[in-house]
PDB file of all heavy atoms in Angstrom:
ATOM      1  N   LEU A   1       0.828  -1.204   0.000  1.00  0.00           N
ATOM      2  CA  LEU A   1       0.000   0.000   0.000  1.00  0.00           C
ATOM      3  C   LEU A   1       0.870   1.264   0.000  1.00  0.00           C
ATOM      4  O   LEU A   1       0.571   2.235  -0.706  1.00  0.00           O
ATOM      5  CB  LEU A   1      -0.933  -0.005   1.208  1.00  0.00           C
ATOM      6  CG  LEU A   1      -2.065  -1.047   1.183  1.00  0.00           C
ATOM      7  CD1 LEU A   1      -2.758  -1.115   2.540  1.00  0.00           C
ATOM      8  CD2 LEU A   1      -3.071  -0.738   0.079  1.00  0.00           C
ATOM      9  N   LYS A   2       1.931   1.245   0.785  1.00  0.00           N
ATOM     10  CA  LYS A   2       2.819   2.412   0.839  1.00  0.00           C
ATOM     11  C   LYS A   2       3.506   2.646  -0.498  1.00  0.00           C
ATOM     12  O   LYS A   2       3.710   3.789  -0.923  1.00  0.00           O
ATOM     13  CB  LYS A   2       3.855   2.225   1.948  1.00  0.00           C
ATOM     14  CG  LYS A   2       3.265   2.394   3.347  1.00  0.00           C
ATOM     15  CD  LYS A   2       4.331   2.251   4.430  1.00  0.00           C
ATOM     16  CE  LYS A   2       3.735   2.511   5.809  1.00  0.00           C
ATOM     17  NZ  LYS A   2       4.729   2.368   6.890  1.00  0.00           N
ATOM     18  N   LYS A   3       3.834   1.574  -1.175  1.00  0.00           N
ATOM     19  CA  LYS A   3       4.421   1.705  -2.512  1.00  0.00           C
ATOM     20  C   LYS A   3       3.405   2.327  -3.472  1.00  0.00           C
ATOM     21  O   LYS A   3       3.745   3.168  -4.300  1.00  0.00           O
ATOM     22  CB  LYS A   3       4.875   0.344  -3.023  1.00  0.00           C
ATOM     23  CG  LYS A   3       5.593   0.404  -4.369  1.00  0.00           C
ATOM     24  CD  LYS A   3       6.145  -0.957  -4.740  1.00  0.00           C
ATOM     25  CE  LYS A   3       6.833  -0.903  -6.100  1.00  0.00           C
ATOM     26  NZ  LYS A   3       7.976   0.029  -6.121  1.00  0.00           N
ATOM     27  N   ALA A   4       2.139   1.921  -3.322  1.00  0.00           N
ATOM     28  CA  ALA A   4       1.081   2.461  -4.179  1.00  0.00           C
ATOM     29  C   ALA A   4       0.868   3.953  -3.935  1.00  0.00           C
ATOM     30  O   ALA A   4       0.502   4.701  -4.851  1.00  0.00           O
ATOM     31  CB  ALA A   4      -0.224   1.704  -3.938  1.00  0.00           C
ATOM     32  N   LEU A   5       1.090   4.392  -2.694  1.00  0.00           N
ATOM     33  CA  LEU A   5       0.879   5.799  -2.361  1.00  0.00           C
ATOM     34  C   LEU A   5       1.822   6.724  -3.129  1.00  0.00           C
ATOM     35  O   LEU A   5       1.552   7.926  -3.259  1.00  0.00           O
ATOM     36  CB  LEU A   5       1.055   6.022  -0.856  1.00  0.00           C
ATOM     37  CG  LEU A   5      -0.024   5.393   0.041  1.00  0.00           C
ATOM     38  CD1 LEU A   5       0.315   5.615   1.503  1.00  0.00           C
ATOM     39  CD2 LEU A   5      -1.396   5.973  -0.289  1.00  0.00           C
ATOM     40  N   GLU A   6       2.903   6.178  -3.650  1.00  0.00           N
ATOM     41  CA  GLU A   6       3.824   6.987  -4.450  1.00  0.00           C
ATOM     42  C   GLU A   6       3.140   7.503  -5.714  1.00  0.00           C
ATOM     43  O   GLU A   6       3.575   8.496  -6.299  1.00  0.00           O
ATOM     44  CB  GLU A   6       5.055   6.155  -4.820  1.00  0.00           C
ATOM     45  CG  GLU A   6       5.888   5.727  -3.612  1.00  0.00           C
ATOM     46  CD  GLU A   6       6.987   4.739  -3.980  1.00  0.00           C
ATOM     47  OE1 GLU A   6       7.168   4.490  -5.199  1.00  0.00           O
ATOM     48  OE2 GLU A   6       7.655   4.223  -3.065  1.00  0.00           O
ATOM     49  N   ASP A   7       2.076   6.841  -6.133  1.00  0.00           N
ATOM     50  CA  ASP A   7       1.323   7.270  -7.316  1.00  0.00           C
ATOM     51  C   ASP A   7       0.198   8.243  -6.966  1.00  0.00           C
ATOM     52  O   ASP A   7      -0.490   8.742  -7.850  1.00  0.00           O
ATOM     53  CB  ASP A   7       0.717   6.055  -8.020  1.00  0.00           C
ATOM     54  CG  ASP A   7       1.742   5.308  -8.846  1.00  0.00           C
ATOM     55  OD1 ASP A   7       2.935   5.606  -8.712  1.00  0.00           O
ATOM     56  OD2 ASP A   7       1.346   4.423  -9.617  1.00  0.00           O
ATOM     57  N   PHE A   8      -0.028   8.457  -5.672  1.00  0.00           N
ATOM     58  CA  PHE A   8      -1.091   9.355  -5.228  1.00  0.00           C
ATOM     59  C   PHE A   8      -0.477  10.435  -4.342  1.00  0.00           C
ATOM     60  O   PHE A   8      -0.557  10.371  -3.112  1.00  0.00           O
ATOM     61  CB  PHE A   8      -2.169   8.579  -4.460  1.00  0.00           C
ATOM     62  CG  PHE A   8      -2.875   7.533  -5.273  1.00  0.00           C
ATOM     63  CD1 PHE A   8      -2.533   6.192  -5.150  1.00  0.00           C
ATOM     64  CD2 PHE A   8      -3.871   7.877  -6.163  1.00  0.00           C
ATOM     65  CE1 PHE A   8      -3.177   5.225  -5.892  1.00  0.00           C
ATOM     66  CE2 PHE A   8      -4.525   6.919  -6.911  1.00  0.00           C
ATOM     67  CZ  PHE A   8      -4.175   5.589  -6.787  1.00  0.00           C
ATOM     68  N   LYS A   9       0.121  11.425  -4.956  1.00  0.00           N
ATOM     69  CA  LYS A   9       0.867  12.449  -4.217  1.00  0.00           C
ATOM     70  C   LYS A   9      -0.030  13.285  -3.317  1.00  0.00           C
ATOM     71  O   LYS A   9       0.405  13.791  -2.279  1.00  0.00           O
ATOM     72  CB  LYS A   9       1.605  13.373  -5.201  1.00  0.00           C
ATOM     73  CG  LYS A   9       2.539  12.643  -6.163  1.00  0.00           C
ATOM     74  CD  LYS A   9       3.664  11.919  -5.441  1.00  0.00           C
ATOM     75  CE  LYS A   9       4.627  11.268  -6.419  1.00  0.00           C
ATOM     76  NZ  LYS A   9       5.689  10.497  -5.739  1.00  0.00           N
ATOM     77  N   ASP A  10      -1.302  13.451  -3.698  1.00  0.00           N
ATOM     78  CA  ASP A  10      -2.186  14.339  -2.946  1.00  0.00           C
ATOM     79  C   ASP A  10      -3.045  13.603  -1.918  1.00  0.00           C
ATOM     80  O   ASP A  10      -3.936  14.189  -1.298  1.00  0.00           O
ATOM     81  CB  ASP A  10      -3.101  15.100  -3.907  1.00  0.00           C
ATOM     82  CG  ASP A  10      -3.899  14.166  -4.821  1.00  0.00           C
ATOM     83  OD1 ASP A  10      -3.515  12.976  -4.927  1.00  0.00           O
ATOM     84  OD2 ASP A  10      -4.876  14.630  -5.424  1.00  0.00           O
ATOM     85  N   ILE A  11      -2.795  12.326  -1.714  1.00  0.00           N
ATOM     86  CA  ILE A  11      -3.624  11.553  -0.799  1.00  0.00           C
ATOM     87  C   ILE A  11      -3.184  11.767   0.649  1.00  0.00           C
ATOM     88  O   ILE A  11      -2.000  11.967   0.930  1.00  0.00           O
ATOM     89  CB  ILE A  11      -3.558  10.044  -1.162  1.00  0.00           C
ATOM     90  CG1 ILE A  11      -4.705   9.280  -0.514  1.00  0.00           C
ATOM     91  CG2 ILE A  11      -2.229   9.441  -0.722  1.00  0.00           C
ATOM     92  CD1 ILE A  11      -4.825   7.847  -1.015  1.00  0.00           C
ATOM     93  N   LYS A  12      -4.158  11.765   1.569  1.00  0.00           N
ATOM     94  CA  LYS A  12      -3.873  11.874   2.997  1.00  0.00           C
ATOM     95  C   LYS A  12      -4.458  10.646   3.688  1.00  0.00           C
ATOM     96  O   LYS A  12      -5.668  10.453   3.715  1.00  0.00           O
ATOM     97  CB  LYS A  12      -4.476  13.152   3.571  1.00  0.00           C
ATOM     98  CG  LYS A  12      -3.815  14.427   3.056  1.00  0.00           C
ATOM     99  CD  LYS A  12      -4.405  15.657   3.720  1.00  0.00           C
ATOM    100  CE  LYS A  12      -3.714  16.930   3.212  1.00  0.00           C
ATOM    101  NZ  LYS A  12      -4.279  18.156   3.845  1.00  0.00           N
ATOM    102  N   ILE A  13      -3.557   9.823   4.220  1.00  0.00           N
ATOM    103  CA  ILE A  13      -3.983   8.588   4.869  1.00  0.00           C
ATOM    104  C   ILE A  13      -2.985   8.254   5.970  1.00  0.00           C
ATOM    105  O   ILE A  13      -1.780   8.399   5.796  1.00  0.00           O
ATOM    106  CB  ILE A  13      -4.101   7.437   3.842  1.00  0.00           C
ATOM    107  CG1 ILE A  13      -4.688   6.188   4.480  1.00  0.00           C
ATOM    108  CG2 ILE A  13      -2.766   7.156   3.172  1.00  0.00           C
ATOM    109  CD1 ILE A  13      -5.075   5.104   3.466  1.00  0.00           C
ATOM    110  N   ASP A  14      -3.490   7.824   7.115  1.00  0.00           N
ATOM    111  CA  ASP A  14      -2.588   7.549   8.235  1.00  0.00           C
ATOM    112  C   ASP A  14      -2.280   6.052   8.348  1.00  0.00           C
ATOM    113  O   ASP A  14      -2.888   5.211   7.672  1.00  0.00           O
ATOM    114  CB  ASP A  14      -3.163   8.080   9.548  1.00  0.00           C
ATOM    115  CG  ASP A  14      -4.550   7.521   9.864  1.00  0.00           C
ATOM    116  OD1 ASP A  14      -4.850   6.395   9.401  1.00  0.00           O
ATOM    117  OD2 ASP A  14      -5.323   8.193  10.563  1.00  0.00           O
ATOM    118  N   GLU A  15      -1.329   5.729   9.229  1.00  0.00           N
ATOM    119  CA  GLU A  15      -0.884   4.345   9.409  1.00  0.00           C
ATOM    120  C   GLU A  15      -2.024   3.453   9.895  1.00  0.00           C
ATOM    121  O   GLU A  15      -2.123   2.289   9.499  1.00  0.00           O
ATOM    122  CB  GLU A  15       0.265   4.303  10.428  1.00  0.00           C
ATOM    123  CG  GLU A  15       1.575   4.871   9.928  1.00  0.00           C
ATOM    124  CD  GLU A  15       2.314   3.896   9.012  1.00  0.00           C
ATOM    125  OE1 GLU A  15       1.990   2.687   9.029  1.00  0.00           O
ATOM    126  OE2 GLU A  15       3.209   4.347   8.278  1.00  0.00           O
ATOM    127  N   GLU A  16      -2.876   3.995  10.744  1.00  0.00           N
ATOM    128  CA  GLU A  16      -3.987   3.214  11.287  1.00  0.00           C
ATOM    129  C   GLU A  16      -4.928   2.750  10.177  1.00  0.00           C
ATOM    130  O   GLU A  16      -5.407   1.612  10.177  1.00  0.00           O
ATOM    131  CB  GLU A  16      -4.755   4.039  12.323  1.00  0.00           C
ATOM    132  CG  GLU A  16      -5.827   3.234  13.055  1.00  0.00           C
ATOM    133  CD  GLU A  16      -6.573   4.062  14.087  1.00  0.00           C
ATOM    134  OE1 GLU A  16      -6.350   5.296  14.148  1.00  0.00           O
ATOM    135  OE2 GLU A  16      -7.372   3.465  14.830  1.00  0.00           O
ATOM    136  N   THR A  17      -5.174   3.631   9.214  1.00  0.00           N
ATOM    137  CA  THR A  17      -6.066   3.282   8.107  1.00  0.00           C
ATOM    138  C   THR A  17      -5.412   2.270   7.184  1.00  0.00           C
ATOM    139  O   THR A  17      -6.074   1.333   6.701  1.00  0.00           O
ATOM    140  CB  THR A  17      -6.456   4.539   7.319  1.00  0.00           C
ATOM    141  OG1 THR A  17      -7.035   5.495   8.222  1.00  0.00           O
ATOM    142  CG2 THR A  17      -7.462   4.213   6.233  1.00  0.00           C
ATOM    143  N   LEU A  18      -4.127   2.426   6.938  1.00  0.00           N
ATOM    144  CA  LEU A  18      -3.406   1.436   6.129  1.00  0.00           C
ATOM    145  C   LEU A  18      -3.461   0.066   6.802  1.00  0.00           C
ATOM    146  O   LEU A  18      -3.669  -0.960   6.132  1.00  0.00           O
ATOM    147  CB  LEU A  18      -1.950   1.861   5.933  1.00  0.00           C
ATOM    148  CG  LEU A  18      -1.699   3.078   5.036  1.00  0.00           C
ATOM    149  CD1 LEU A  18      -0.223   3.451   5.056  1.00  0.00           C
ATOM    150  CD2 LEU A  18      -2.160   2.807   3.608  1.00  0.00           C
ATOM    151  N   ASP A  19      -3.292   0.057   8.109  1.00  0.00           N
ATOM    152  CA  ASP A  19      -3.349  -1.200   8.856  1.00  0.00           C
ATOM    153  C   ASP A  19      -4.745  -1.815   8.778  1.00  0.00           C
ATOM    154  O   ASP A  19      -4.895  -3.037   8.674  1.00  0.00           O
ATOM    155  CB  ASP A  19      -2.963  -0.938  10.313  1.00  0.00           C
ATOM    156  CG  ASP A  19      -2.808  -2.227  11.104  1.00  0.00           C
ATOM    157  OD1 ASP A  19      -1.791  -2.905  10.909  1.00  0.00           O
ATOM    158  OD2 ASP A  19      -3.708  -2.538  11.912  1.00  0.00           O
ATOM    159  N   TYR A  20      -5.770  -0.960   8.796  1.00  0.00           N
ATOM    160  CA  TYR A  20      -7.151  -1.433   8.700  1.00  0.00           C
ATOM    161  C   TYR A  20      -7.416  -2.060   7.333  1.00  0.00           C
ATOM    162  O   TYR A  20      -8.035  -3.128   7.233  1.00  0.00           O
ATOM    163  CB  TYR A  20      -8.114  -0.275   8.960  1.00  0.00           C
ATOM    164  CG  TYR A  20      -9.577  -0.673   8.907  1.00  0.00           C
ATOM    165  CD1 TYR A  20     -10.128  -1.471   9.902  1.00  0.00           C
ATOM    166  CD2 TYR A  20     -10.390  -0.242   7.863  1.00  0.00           C
ATOM    167  CE1 TYR A  20     -11.470  -1.838   9.861  1.00  0.00           C
ATOM    168  CE2 TYR A  20     -11.729  -0.606   7.812  1.00  0.00           C
ATOM    169  CZ  TYR A  20     -12.260  -1.402   8.817  1.00  0.00           C
ATOM    170  OH  TYR A  20     -13.581  -1.774   8.766  1.00  0.00           O
ATOM    171  N   ILE A  21      -6.950  -1.422   6.278  1.00  0.00           N
ATOM    172  CA  ILE A  21      -7.100  -1.975   4.931  1.00  0.00           C
ATOM    173  C   ILE A  21      -6.391  -3.322   4.844  1.00  0.00           C
ATOM    174  O   ILE A  21      -6.920  -4.281   4.269  1.00  0.00           O
ATOM    175  CB  ILE A  21      -6.543  -1.006   3.867  1.00  0.00           C
ATOM    176  CG1 ILE A  21      -7.373   0.276   3.823  1.00  0.00           C
ATOM    177  CG2 ILE A  21      -6.532  -1.668   2.481  1.00  0.00           C
ATOM    178  CD1 ILE A  21      -6.807   1.344   2.903  1.00  0.00           C
ATOM    179  N   ALA A  22      -5.186  -3.389   5.410  1.00  0.00           N
ATOM    180  CA  ALA A  22      -4.426  -4.639   5.387  1.00  0.00           C
ATOM    181  C   ALA A  22      -5.167  -5.751   6.125  1.00  0.00           C
ATOM    182  O   ALA A  22      -5.175  -6.906   5.694  1.00  0.00           O
ATOM    183  CB  ALA A  22      -3.046  -4.424   6.005  1.00  0.00           C
ATOM    184  N   THR A  23      -5.821  -5.391   7.236  1.00  0.00           N
ATOM    185  CA  THR A  23      -6.589  -6.375   7.995  1.00  0.00           C
ATOM    186  C   THR A  23      -7.770  -6.884   7.175  1.00  0.00           C
ATOM    187  O   THR A  23      -8.038  -8.085   7.122  1.00  0.00           O
ATOM    188  CB  THR A  23      -7.102  -5.769   9.313  1.00  0.00           C
ATOM    189  OG1 THR A  23      -5.976  -5.362  10.108  1.00  0.00           O
ATOM    190  CG2 THR A  23      -7.938  -6.778  10.093  1.00  0.00           C
ATOM    191  N   LEU A  24      -8.476  -5.969   6.522  1.00  0.00           N
ATOM    192  CA  LEU A  24      -9.617  -6.352   5.693  1.00  0.00           C
ATOM    193  C   LEU A  24      -9.207  -7.256   4.539  1.00  0.00           C
ATOM    194  O   LEU A  24      -9.966  -8.135   4.118  1.00  0.00           O
ATOM    195  CB  LEU A  24     -10.316  -5.115   5.119  1.00  0.00           C
ATOM    196  CG  LEU A  24     -11.147  -4.248   6.060  1.00  0.00           C
ATOM    197  CD1 LEU A  24     -11.723  -3.069   5.296  1.00  0.00           C
ATOM    198  CD2 LEU A  24     -12.273  -5.065   6.691  1.00  0.00           C
ATOM    199  N   SER A  25      -8.008  -7.056   4.017  1.00  0.00           N
ATOM    200  CA  SER A  25      -7.584  -7.773   2.811  1.00  0.00           C
ATOM    201  C   SER A  25      -7.295  -9.245   3.061  1.00  0.00           C
ATOM    202  O   SER A  25      -7.284 -10.046   2.123  1.00  0.00           O
ATOM    203  CB  SER A  25      -6.337  -7.122   2.214  1.00  0.00           C
ATOM    204  OG  SER A  25      -5.197  -7.402   2.996  1.00  0.00           O
ATOM    205  N   SER A  26      -7.022  -9.611   4.301  1.00  0.00           N
ATOM    206  CA  SER A  26      -6.725 -11.010   4.649  1.00  0.00           C
ATOM    207  C   SER A  26      -5.660 -11.621   3.739  1.00  0.00           C
ATOM    208  O   SER A  26      -5.779 -12.751   3.273  1.00  0.00           O
ATOM    209  CB  SER A  26      -8.003 -11.864   4.591  1.00  0.00           C
ATOM    210  OG  SER A  26      -8.943 -11.417   5.525  1.00  0.00           O
ATOM    211  N   GLY A  27      -4.608 -10.848   3.470  1.00  0.00           N
ATOM    212  CA  GLY A  27      -3.495 -11.366   2.677  1.00  0.00           C
ATOM    213  C   GLY A  27      -3.648 -11.228   1.183  1.00  0.00           C
ATOM    214  O   GLY A  27      -2.801 -11.702   0.426  1.00  0.00           O
ATOM    215  N   ASP A  28      -4.702 -10.573   0.708  1.00  0.00           N
ATOM    216  CA  ASP A  28      -4.949 -10.397  -0.728  1.00  0.00           C
ATOM    217  C   ASP A  28      -4.514  -8.994  -1.140  1.00  0.00           C
ATOM    218  O   ASP A  28      -5.213  -8.011  -0.914  1.00  0.00           O
ATOM    219  CB  ASP A  28      -6.441 -10.609  -1.022  1.00  0.00           C
ATOM    220  CG  ASP A  28      -6.767 -10.620  -2.507  1.00  0.00           C
ATOM    221  OD1 ASP A  28      -6.029  -9.991  -3.286  1.00  0.00           O
ATOM    222  OD2 ASP A  28      -7.764 -11.253  -2.885  1.00  0.00           O
TER     223      ASP A  28
END
C-alpha cells in the first residue's frame, strides 16, 4: 500500500487506516 501511495501524491492517509485496509484484505 505504501508503494502504491507513491502514485497518489495528494492523498492523505494515516498508518492506522493502512493497517485497517491490510486487515480487511486477509493477505490479498
